[in-house]
Amino acid sequence: GRTLSSYAMGWFRQAPGQEREFVAAIMWGGGI
């Protein structure tokens, strides 16, 4: 849908009855 080089991508997870929590993230362009 868009050029992604300036985006950050994240993974989150959510178990039943729990809040959504951060798992990992990456800068699309730089790989940090």
PDB file of all heavy atoms in Angstrom:
ATOM      1  N   GLY A   1       0.773  -1.229   0.000  1.00  0.00           N
ATOM      2  CA  GLY A   1       0.000   0.000   0.000  1.00  0.00           C
ATOM      3  C   GLY A   1       0.809   1.285   0.000  1.00  0.00           C
ATOM      4  O   GLY A   1       0.320   2.312  -0.467  1.00  0.00           O
ATOM      5  N   ARG A   2       2.010   1.258   0.527  1.00  0.00           N
ATOM      6  CA  ARG A   2       2.878   2.429   0.565  1.00  0.00           C
ATOM      7  C   ARG A   2       4.330   2.009   0.445  1.00  0.00           C
ATOM      8  O   ARG A   2       4.667   0.850   0.672  1.00  0.00           O
ATOM      9  CB  ARG A   2       2.711   3.218   1.869  1.00  0.00           C
ATOM     10  CG  ARG A   2       1.401   3.957   2.026  1.00  0.00           C
ATOM     11  CD  ARG A   2       1.448   4.819   3.278  1.00  0.00           C
ATOM     12  NE  ARG A   2       0.188   5.492   3.525  1.00  0.00           N
ATOM     13  CZ  ARG A   2      -0.138   6.677   3.028  1.00  0.00           C
ATOM     14  NH1 ARG A   2       0.711   7.332   2.234  1.00  0.00           N
ATOM     15  NH2 ARG A   2      -1.312   7.216   3.314  1.00  0.00           N
ATOM     16  N   THR A   3       5.164   2.979   0.124  1.00  0.00           N
ATOM     17  CA  THR A   3       6.599   2.773   0.257  1.00  0.00           C
ATOM     18  C   THR A   3       6.925   2.650   1.739  1.00  0.00           C
ATOM     19  O   THR A   3       6.523   3.484   2.549  1.00  0.00           O
ATOM     20  CB  THR A   3       7.376   3.931  -0.369  1.00  0.00           C
ATOM     21  OG1 THR A   3       7.058   4.017  -1.756  1.00  0.00           O
ATOM     22  CG2 THR A   3       8.866   3.732  -0.213  1.00  0.00           C
ATOM     23  N   LEU A   4       7.665   1.610   2.093  1.00  0.00           N
ATOM     24  CA  LEU A   4       7.845   1.242   3.491  1.00  0.00           C
ATOM     25  C   LEU A   4       9.170   1.667   4.091  1.00  0.00           C
ATOM     26  O   LEU A   4       9.401   1.419   5.270  1.00  0.00           O
ATOM     27  CB  LEU A   4       7.678  -0.270   3.645  1.00  0.00           C
ATOM     28  CG  LEU A   4       6.337  -0.840   3.200  1.00  0.00           C
ATOM     29  CD1 LEU A   4       6.349  -2.350   3.265  1.00  0.00           C
ATOM     30  CD2 LEU A   4       5.209  -0.269   4.046  1.00  0.00           C
ATOM     31  N   SER A   5      10.029   2.300   3.324  1.00  0.00           N
ATOM     32  CA  SER A   5      11.377   2.583   3.796  1.00  0.00           C
ATOM     33  C   SER A   5      11.422   3.489   5.013  1.00  0.00           C
ATOM     34  O   SER A   5      12.392   3.447   5.778  1.00  0.00           O
ATOM     35  CB  SER A   5      12.222   3.172   2.666  1.00  0.00           C
ATOM     36  OG  SER A   5      11.676   4.402   2.214  1.00  0.00           O
ATOM     37  N   SER A   6      10.408   4.306   5.218  1.00  0.00           N
ATOM     38  CA  SER A   6      10.375   5.231   6.345  1.00  0.00           C
ATOM     39  C   SER A   6       9.490   4.741   7.488  1.00  0.00           C
ATOM     40  O   SER A   6       9.174   5.519   8.393  1.00  0.00           O
ATOM     41  CB  SER A   6       9.892   6.598   5.883  1.00  0.00           C
ATOM     42  OG  SER A   6      10.778   7.155   4.932  1.00  0.00           O
ATOM     43  N   TYR A   7       9.110   3.484   7.474  1.00  0.00           N
ATOM     44  CA  TYR A   7       8.197   2.939   8.475  1.00  0.00           C
ATOM     45  C   TYR A   7       8.911   2.056   9.482  1.00  0.00           C
ATOM     46  O   TYR A   7       9.948   1.455   9.199  1.00  0.00           O
ATOM     47  CB  TYR A   7       7.094   2.129   7.802  1.00  0.00           C
ATOM     48  CG  TYR A   7       5.943   2.978   7.325  1.00  0.00           C
ATOM     49  CD1 TYR A   7       6.067   3.775   6.205  1.00  0.00           C
ATOM     50  CD2 TYR A   7       4.729   2.973   8.011  1.00  0.00           C
ATOM     51  CE1 TYR A   7       5.017   4.564   5.770  1.00  0.00           C
ATOM     52  CE2 TYR A   7       3.677   3.754   7.578  1.00  0.00           C
ATOM     53  CZ  TYR A   7       3.823   4.545   6.459  1.00  0.00           C
ATOM     54  OH  TYR A   7       2.770   5.321   6.031  1.00  0.00           O
ATOM     55  N   ALA A   8       8.328   2.004  10.662  1.00  0.00           N
ATOM     56  CA  ALA A   8       8.684   1.020  11.666  1.00  0.00           C
ATOM     57  C   ALA A   8       7.609  -0.055  11.706  1.00  0.00           C
ATOM     58  O   ALA A   8       6.418   0.249  11.624  1.00  0.00           O
ATOM     59  CB  ALA A   8       8.821   1.668  13.039  1.00  0.00           C
ATOM     60  N   MET A   9       8.030  -1.292  11.837  1.00  0.00           N
ATOM     61  CA  MET A   9       7.121  -2.423  11.895  1.00  0.00           C
ATOM     62  C   MET A   9       7.242  -3.076  13.261  1.00  0.00           C
ATOM     63  O   MET A   9       8.348  -3.279  13.761  1.00  0.00           O
ATOM     64  CB  MET A   9       7.446  -3.441  10.811  1.00  0.00           C
ATOM     65  CG  MET A   9       7.524  -2.856   9.404  1.00  0.00           C
ATOM     66  SD  MET A   9       5.922  -2.239   8.818  1.00  0.00           S
ATOM     67  CE  MET A   9       5.001  -3.779   8.723  1.00  0.00           C
ATOM     68  N   GLY A  10       6.106  -3.414  13.832  1.00  0.00           N
ATOM     69  CA  GLY A  10       6.103  -4.021  15.150  1.00  0.00           C
ATOM     70  C   GLY A  10       5.282  -5.291  15.202  1.00  0.00           C
ATOM     71  O   GLY A  10       4.358  -5.486  14.406  1.00  0.00           O
ATOM     72  N   TRP A  11       5.659  -6.156  16.120  1.00  0.00           N
ATOM     73  CA  TRP A  11       4.853  -7.322  16.477  1.00  0.00           C
ATOM     74  C   TRP A  11       4.333  -7.130  17.896  1.00  0.00           C
ATOM     75  O   TRP A  11       5.098  -6.786  18.810  1.00  0.00           O
ATOM     76  CB  TRP A  11       5.656  -8.622  16.407  1.00  0.00           C
ATOM     77  CG  TRP A  11       5.930  -9.119  15.023  1.00  0.00           C
ATOM     78  CD1 TRP A  11       7.078  -8.983  14.306  1.00  0.00           C
ATOM     79  CD2 TRP A  11       5.027  -9.863  14.199  1.00  0.00           C
ATOM     80  NE1 TRP A  11       6.950  -9.594  13.086  1.00  0.00           N
ATOM     81  CE2 TRP A  11       5.702 -10.140  12.989  1.00  0.00           C
ATOM     82  CE3 TRP A  11       3.723 -10.322  14.363  1.00  0.00           C
ATOM     83  CZ2 TRP A  11       5.112 -10.852  11.948  1.00  0.00           C
ATOM     84  CZ3 TRP A  11       3.134 -11.024  13.326  1.00  0.00           C
ATOM     85  CH2 TRP A  11       3.824 -11.282  12.135  1.00  0.00           C
ATOM     86  N   PHE A  12       3.038  -7.360  18.057  1.00  0.00           N
ATOM     87  CA  PHE A  12       2.386  -7.329  19.357  1.00  0.00           C
ATOM     88  C   PHE A  12       1.635  -8.634  19.548  1.00  0.00           C
ATOM     89  O   PHE A  12       1.367  -9.346  18.587  1.00  0.00           O
ATOM     90  CB  PHE A  12       1.414  -6.150  19.461  1.00  0.00           C
ATOM     91  CG  PHE A  12       2.083  -4.808  19.485  1.00  0.00           C
ATOM     92  CD1 PHE A  12       2.549  -4.225  18.317  1.00  0.00           C
ATOM     93  CD2 PHE A  12       2.246  -4.133  20.682  1.00  0.00           C
ATOM     94  CE1 PHE A  12       3.164  -2.982  18.336  1.00  0.00           C
ATOM     95  CE2 PHE A  12       2.864  -2.889  20.712  1.00  0.00           C
ATOM     96  CZ  PHE A  12       3.322  -2.316  19.548  1.00  0.00           C
ATOM     97  N   ARG A  13       1.298  -8.934  20.774  1.00  0.00           N
ATOM     98  CA  ARG A  13       0.498 -10.127  21.031  1.00  0.00           C
ATOM     99  C   ARG A  13      -0.534  -9.840  22.105  1.00  0.00           C
ATOM    100  O   ARG A  13      -0.359  -8.969  22.952  1.00  0.00           O
ATOM    101  CB  ARG A  13       1.369 -11.319  21.423  1.00  0.00           C
ATOM    102  CG  ARG A  13       2.034 -11.210  22.790  1.00  0.00           C
ATOM    103  CD  ARG A  13       2.987 -12.372  22.993  1.00  0.00           C
ATOM    104  NE  ARG A  13       3.485 -12.441  24.361  1.00  0.00           N
ATOM    105  CZ  ARG A  13       4.406 -13.300  24.774  1.00  0.00           C
ATOM    106  NH1 ARG A  13       4.937 -14.181  23.912  1.00  0.00           N
ATOM    107  NH2 ARG A  13       4.802 -13.290  26.040  1.00  0.00           N
ATOM    108  N   GLN A  14      -1.613 -10.612  22.059  1.00  0.00           N
ATOM    109  CA  GLN A  14      -2.694 -10.437  23.009  1.00  0.00           C
ATOM    110  C   GLN A  14      -3.310 -11.789  23.333  1.00  0.00           C
ATOM    111  O   GLN A  14      -3.819 -12.474  22.450  1.00  0.00           O
ATOM    112  CB  GLN A  14      -3.762  -9.490  22.465  1.00  0.00           C
ATOM    113  CG  GLN A  14      -4.822  -9.110  23.472  1.00  0.00           C
ATOM    114  CD  GLN A  14      -5.658  -7.939  22.995  1.00  0.00           C
ATOM    115  OE1 GLN A  14      -5.747  -7.662  21.808  1.00  0.00           O
ATOM    116  NE2 GLN A  14      -6.277  -7.237  23.930  1.00  0.00           N
ATOM    117  N   ALA A  15      -3.255 -12.150  24.599  1.00  0.00           N
ATOM    118  CA  ALA A  15      -3.885 -13.361  25.093  1.00  0.00           C
ATOM    119  C   ALA A  15      -5.270 -13.022  25.625  1.00  0.00           C
ATOM    120  O   ALA A  15      -5.544 -11.870  25.983  1.00  0.00           O
ATOM    121  CB  ALA A  15      -3.029 -13.989  26.187  1.00  0.00           C
ATOM    122  N   PRO A  16      -6.166 -14.003  25.703  1.00  0.00           N
ATOM    123  CA  PRO A  16      -7.506 -13.729  26.230  1.00  0.00           C
ATOM    124  C   PRO A  16      -7.462 -13.094  27.613  1.00  0.00           C
ATOM    125  O   PRO A  16      -6.753 -13.570  28.504  1.00  0.00           O
ATOM    126  CB  PRO A  16      -8.149 -15.115  26.273  1.00  0.00           C
ATOM    127  CG  PRO A  16      -7.436 -15.886  25.209  1.00  0.00           C
ATOM    128  CD  PRO A  16      -6.016 -15.388  25.257  1.00  0.00           C
ATOM    129  N   GLY A  17      -8.199 -12.008  27.781  1.00  0.00           N
ATOM    130  CA  GLY A  17      -8.243 -11.313  29.052  1.00  0.00           C
ATOM    131  C   GLY A  17      -7.037 -10.458  29.360  1.00  0.00           C
ATOM    132  O   GLY A  17      -6.968  -9.880  30.453  1.00  0.00           O
ATOM    133  N   GLN A  18      -6.093 -10.368  28.439  1.00  0.00           N
ATOM    134  CA  GLN A  18      -4.870  -9.607  28.657  1.00  0.00           C
ATOM    135  C   GLN A  18      -4.817  -8.393  27.740  1.00  0.00           C
ATOM    136  O   GLN A  18      -5.492  -8.334  26.716  1.00  0.00           O
ATOM    137  CB  GLN A  18      -3.638 -10.478  28.410  1.00  0.00           C
ATOM    138  CG  GLN A  18      -3.592 -11.749  29.226  1.00  0.00           C
ATOM    139  CD  GLN A  18      -3.433 -11.469  30.700  1.00  0.00           C
ATOM    140  OE1 GLN A  18      -2.637 -10.611  31.094  1.00  0.00           O
ATOM    141  NE2 GLN A  18      -4.195 -12.179  31.524  1.00  0.00           N
ATOM    142  N   GLU A  19      -4.003  -7.427  28.119  1.00  0.00           N
ATOM    143  CA  GLU A  19      -3.771  -6.279  27.262  1.00  0.00           C
ATOM    144  C   GLU A  19      -2.806  -6.647  26.149  1.00  0.00           C
ATOM    145  O   GLU A  19      -1.986  -7.559  26.282  1.00  0.00           O
ATOM    146  CB  GLU A  19      -3.207  -5.110  28.074  1.00  0.00           C
ATOM    147  CG  GLU A  19      -4.164  -4.556  29.099  1.00  0.00           C
ATOM    148  CD  GLU A  19      -3.611  -3.332  29.798  1.00  0.00           C
ATOM    149  OE1 GLU A  19      -2.416  -3.033  29.629  1.00  0.00           O
ATOM    150  OE2 GLU A  19      -4.381  -2.671  30.505  1.00  0.00           O
ATOM    151  N   ARG A  20      -2.914  -5.931  25.049  1.00  0.00           N
ATOM    152  CA  ARG A  20      -1.984  -6.137  23.954  1.00  0.00           C
ATOM    153  C   ARG A  20      -0.596  -5.668  24.378  1.00  0.00           C
ATOM    154  O   ARG A  20      -0.432  -4.561  24.899  1.00  0.00           O
ATOM    155  CB  ARG A  20      -2.463  -5.376  22.723  1.00  0.00           C
ATOM    156  CG  ARG A  20      -1.731  -5.723  21.449  1.00  0.00           C
ATOM    157  CD  ARG A  20      -2.481  -5.187  20.231  1.00  0.00           C
ATOM    158  NE  ARG A  20      -3.797  -5.798  20.096  1.00  0.00           N
ATOM    159  CZ  ARG A  20      -4.598  -5.609  19.064  1.00  0.00           C
ATOM    160  NH1 ARG A  20      -4.222  -4.826  18.061  1.00  0.00           N
ATOM    161  NH2 ARG A  20      -5.789  -6.198  19.031  1.00  0.00           N
ATOM    162  N   GLU A  21       0.411  -6.506  24.156  1.00  0.00           N
ATOM    163  CA  GLU A  21       1.745  -6.185  24.612  1.00  0.00           C
ATOM    164  C   GLU A  21       2.758  -6.239  23.477  1.00  0.00           C
ATOM    165  O   GLU A  21       2.621  -6.999  22.521  1.00  0.00           O
ATOM    166  CB  GLU A  21       2.184  -7.116  25.749  1.00  0.00           C
ATOM    167  CG  GLU A  21       2.312  -8.573  25.372  1.00  0.00           C
ATOM    168  CD  GLU A  21       2.761  -9.451  26.532  1.00  0.00           C
ATOM    169  OE1 GLU A  21       3.147  -8.910  27.579  1.00  0.00           O
ATOM    170  OE2 GLU A  21       2.722 -10.683  26.384  1.00  0.00           O
ATOM    171  N   PHE A  22       3.792  -5.447  23.630  1.00  0.00           N
ATOM    172  CA  PHE A  22       4.857  -5.347  22.652  1.00  0.00           C
ATOM    173  C   PHE A  22       5.706  -6.601  22.646  1.00  0.00           C
ATOM    174  O   PHE A  22       6.043  -7.139  23.700  1.00  0.00           O
ATOM    175  CB  PHE A  22       5.722  -4.128  22.977  1.00  0.00           C
ATOM    176  CG  PHE A  22       6.949  -3.994  22.133  1.00  0.00           C
ATOM    177  CD1 PHE A  22       6.881  -3.495  20.848  1.00  0.00           C
ATOM    178  CD2 PHE A  22       8.189  -4.357  22.633  1.00  0.00           C
ATOM    179  CE1 PHE A  22       8.012  -3.362  20.071  1.00  0.00           C
ATOM    180  CE2 PHE A  22       9.332  -4.226  21.872  1.00  0.00           C
ATOM    181  CZ  PHE A  22       9.241  -3.724  20.581  1.00  0.00           C
ATOM    182  N   VAL A  23       6.075  -7.049  21.453  1.00  0.00           N
ATOM    183  CA  VAL A  23       6.957  -8.192  21.291  1.00  0.00           C
ATOM    184  C   VAL A  23       8.297  -7.763  20.691  1.00  0.00           C
ATOM    185  O   VAL A  23       9.355  -8.010  21.263  1.00  0.00           O
ATOM    186  CB  VAL A  23       6.323  -9.287  20.419  1.00  0.00           C
ATOM    187  CG1 VAL A  23       7.302 -10.440  20.209  1.00  0.00           C
ATOM    188  CG2 VAL A  23       5.024  -9.783  21.043  1.00  0.00           C
ATOM    189  N   ALA A  24       8.252  -7.131  19.531  1.00  0.00           N
ATOM    190  CA  ALA A  24       9.475  -6.729  18.837  1.00  0.00           C
ATOM    191  C   ALA A  24       9.139  -5.706  17.775  1.00  0.00           C
ATOM    192  O   ALA A  24       7.986  -5.586  17.354  1.00  0.00           O
ATOM    193  CB  ALA A  24      10.169  -7.939  18.203  1.00  0.00           C
ATOM    194  N   ALA A  25      10.143  -4.969  17.313  1.00  0.00           N
ATOM    195  CA  ALA A  25       9.945  -3.984  16.261  1.00  0.00           C
ATOM    196  C   ALA A  25      11.215  -3.838  15.453  1.00  0.00           C
ATOM    197  O   ALA A  25      12.314  -4.171  15.916  1.00  0.00           O
ATOM    198  CB  ALA A  25       9.526  -2.631  16.845  1.00  0.00           C
ATOM    199  N   ILE A  26      11.062  -3.325  14.245  1.00  0.00           N
ATOM    200  CA  ILE A  26      12.190  -3.136  13.349  1.00  0.00           C
ATOM    201  C   ILE A  26      11.956  -1.906  12.482  1.00  0.00           C
ATOM    202  O   ILE A  26      10.831  -1.638  12.060  1.00  0.00           O
ATOM    203  CB  ILE A  26      12.415  -4.399  12.483  1.00  0.00           C
ATOM    204  CG1 ILE A  26      13.705  -4.293  11.670  1.00  0.00           C
ATOM    205  CG2 ILE A  26      11.223  -4.665  11.575  1.00  0.00           C
ATOM    206  CD1 ILE A  26      14.127  -5.616  11.040  1.00  0.00           C
ATOM    207  N   MET A  27      13.022  -1.161  12.218  1.00  0.00           N
ATOM    208  CA  MET A  27      12.973  -0.077  11.242  1.00  0.00           C
ATOM    209  C   MET A  27      13.107  -0.684   9.868  1.00  0.00           C
ATOM    210  O   MET A  27      14.070  -1.411   9.586  1.00  0.00           O
ATOM    211  CB  MET A  27      14.083   0.929  11.499  1.00  0.00           C
ATOM    212  CG  MET A  27      13.994   1.655  12.825  1.00  0.00           C
ATOM    213  SD  MET A  27      12.471   2.615  12.989  1.00  0.00           S
ATOM    214  CE  MET A  27      12.635   3.760  11.610  1.00  0.00           C
ATOM    215  N   TRP A  28      12.153  -0.397   8.996  1.00  0.00           N
ATOM    216  CA  TRP A  28      12.143  -1.019   7.684  1.00  0.00           C
ATOM    217  C   TRP A  28      13.401  -0.685   6.889  1.00  0.00           C
ATOM    218  O   TRP A  28      14.020  -1.561   6.291  1.00  0.00           O
ATOM    219  CB  TRP A  28      10.896  -0.598   6.911  1.00  0.00           C
ATOM    220  CG  TRP A  28      10.705  -1.391   5.671  1.00  0.00           C
ATOM    221  CD1 TRP A  28      11.000  -1.011   4.409  1.00  0.00           C
ATOM    222  CD2 TRP A  28      10.186  -2.720   5.593  1.00  0.00           C
ATOM    223  NE1 TRP A  28      10.704  -2.020   3.531  1.00  0.00           N
ATOM    224  CE2 TRP A  28      10.199  -3.083   4.228  1.00  0.00           C
ATOM    225  CE3 TRP A  28       9.714  -3.635   6.533  1.00  0.00           C
ATOM    226  CZ2 TRP A  28       9.762  -4.331   3.786  1.00  0.00           C
ATOM    227  CZ3 TRP A  28       9.277  -4.871   6.087  1.00  0.00           C
ATOM    228  CH2 TRP A  28       9.308  -5.202   4.739  1.00  0.00           C
ATOM    229  N   GLY A  29      13.787   0.579   6.903  1.00  0.00           N
ATOM    230  CA  GLY A  29      14.926   0.995   6.101  1.00  0.00           C
ATOM    231  C   GLY A  29      16.271   0.621   6.685  1.00  0.00           C
ATOM    232  O   GLY A  29      17.144   0.113   5.972  1.00  0.00           O
ATOM    233  N   GLY A  30      16.465   0.867   7.967  1.00  0.00           N
ATOM    234  CA  GLY A  30      17.771   0.676   8.565  1.00  0.00           C
ATOM    235  C   GLY A  30      17.994  -0.660   9.239  1.00  0.00           C
ATOM    236  O   GLY A  30      19.141  -1.024   9.511  1.00  0.00           O
ATOM    237  N   GLY A  31      16.916  -1.385   9.543  1.00  0.00           N
ATOM    238  CA  GLY A  31      17.049  -2.691  10.150  1.00  0.00           C
ATOM    239  C   GLY A  31      17.321  -2.691  11.641  1.00  0.00           C
ATOM    240  O   GLY A  31      17.564  -3.759  12.211  1.00  0.00           O
ATOM    241  N   ILE A  32      17.284  -1.545  12.281  1.00  0.00           N
ATOM    242  CA  ILE A  32      17.475  -1.481  13.722  1.00  0.00           C
ATOM    243  C   ILE A  32      16.297  -2.160  14.405  1.00  0.00           C
ATOM    244  O   ILE A  32      15.142  -1.936  14.042  1.00  0.00           O
ATOM    245  CB  ILE A  32      17.608  -0.026  14.195  1.00  0.00           C
ATOM    246  CG1 ILE A  32      18.794   0.647  13.494  1.00  0.00           C
ATOM    247  CG2 ILE A  32      17.775   0.045  15.703  1.00  0.00           C
ATOM    248  CD1 ILE A  32      18.837   2.144  13.687  1.00  0.00           C
TER     249      ILE A  32
END
